[in-house]
Amino acid sequence: MAAKELIENKENYQEEFDDSESLKEYAEKMICDGEFADARINLPMCQSQNVNLKIYLGDNHFETININVQK
C-alpha cells in the first residue's frame, strides 16, 4: 500500500530520491517481502493507512517524530 502511494502521488515524494535510486526503483523494492525499508517509506505508509506515526529512538534518548496525515 505504501509503495502504491509512492507511485500514485510521486510528486509529493520525489525530492527524497536522486540519480542513485529513483522513486520507481525504490517502490518496486518495497513491494518485495523481506526488503529492508528506510525512513523514506514512513510518510507514504502513513498516508496510505491514514494513520500517524511516532518513532522513539533508543539509547535513553527519546525523540518523537510525528507524521501528521492530511485528512
Protein backbone atom coordinates (compact mmCIF):
# COMPACT_ATOMS: atom_id res chain seq x y z
CA MET A 1 0.00 0.00 0.00
CA ALA A 2 2.80 2.43 0.81
CA ALA A 3 4.54 1.63 -2.48
CA LYS A 4 1.29 2.28 -4.32
CA GLU A 5 1.00 5.63 -2.52
CA LEU A 6 4.57 6.46 -3.60
CA ILE A 7 3.81 5.75 -7.25
CA GLU A 8 0.37 7.37 -7.38
CA ASN A 9 1.50 10.57 -5.64
CA LYS A 10 5.13 10.70 -6.70
CA GLU A 11 5.14 14.50 -6.88
CA ASN A 12 4.79 14.54 -3.07
CA TYR A 13 7.83 12.29 -2.51
CA GLN A 14 10.16 12.89 -5.47
CA GLU A 15 12.56 15.16 -3.57
CA GLU A 16 13.61 12.19 -1.39
CA PHE A 17 15.17 10.44 -4.39
CA ASP A 18 18.11 11.10 -6.68
CA ASP A 19 20.08 9.52 -9.51
CA SER A 20 21.40 6.72 -7.30
CA GLU A 21 17.88 5.29 -6.86
CA SER A 22 14.70 6.51 -8.49
CA LEU A 23 11.36 6.65 -6.75
CA LYS A 24 10.10 3.91 -9.07
CA GLU A 25 13.08 1.64 -8.30
CA TYR A 26 12.58 2.20 -4.57
CA ALA A 27 8.84 1.50 -4.75
CA GLU A 28 9.48 -1.72 -6.68
CA LYS A 29 11.93 -2.84 -3.97
CA MET A 30 9.46 -2.04 -1.20
CA ILE A 31 6.88 -4.36 -2.75
CA CYS A 32 9.20 -7.34 -2.18
CA ASP A 33 8.80 -9.36 1.02
CA GLY A 34 11.83 -9.20 3.28
CA GLU A 35 13.19 -5.98 1.79
CA PHE A 36 14.60 -3.56 4.36
CA ALA A 37 12.73 -0.26 4.42
CA ASP A 38 14.25 3.06 5.38
CA ALA A 39 12.66 6.26 6.64
CA ARG A 40 11.56 7.31 3.15
CA ILE A 41 8.65 4.87 3.40
CA ASN A 42 7.21 6.35 6.62
CA LEU A 43 5.16 9.19 5.16
CA PRO A 44 3.73 7.16 2.25
CA MET A 45 2.86 4.39 4.72
CA CYS A 46 1.05 6.84 6.98
CA GLN A 47 -0.76 8.43 4.06
CA SER A 48 -1.87 5.07 2.64
CA GLN A 49 -3.14 3.83 6.01
CA ASN A 50 -4.46 7.21 7.22
CA VAL A 51 -2.53 6.94 10.48
CA ASN A 52 0.03 8.97 12.42
CA LEU A 53 3.40 7.55 13.40
CA LYS A 54 5.54 8.18 16.44
CA ILE A 55 9.13 6.97 16.33
CA TYR A 56 11.09 6.59 19.52
CA LEU A 57 14.88 6.50 19.30
CA GLY A 58 16.72 4.33 21.81
CA ASP A 59 19.79 4.59 24.00
CA ASN A 60 17.91 6.63 26.60
CA HIS A 61 17.35 9.33 24.02
CA PHE A 62 13.69 9.93 23.48
CA GLU A 63 12.74 11.91 20.44
CA THR A 64 9.29 11.79 18.96
CA ILE A 65 8.65 12.42 15.32
CA ASN A 66 5.02 12.91 14.41
CA ILE A 67 3.93 12.45 10.85
CA ASN A 68 0.52 14.02 10.70
CA VAL A 69 -1.59 12.70 7.90
CA GLN A 70 -3.54 15.20 5.87
CA LYS A 71 -7.18 14.20 6.14
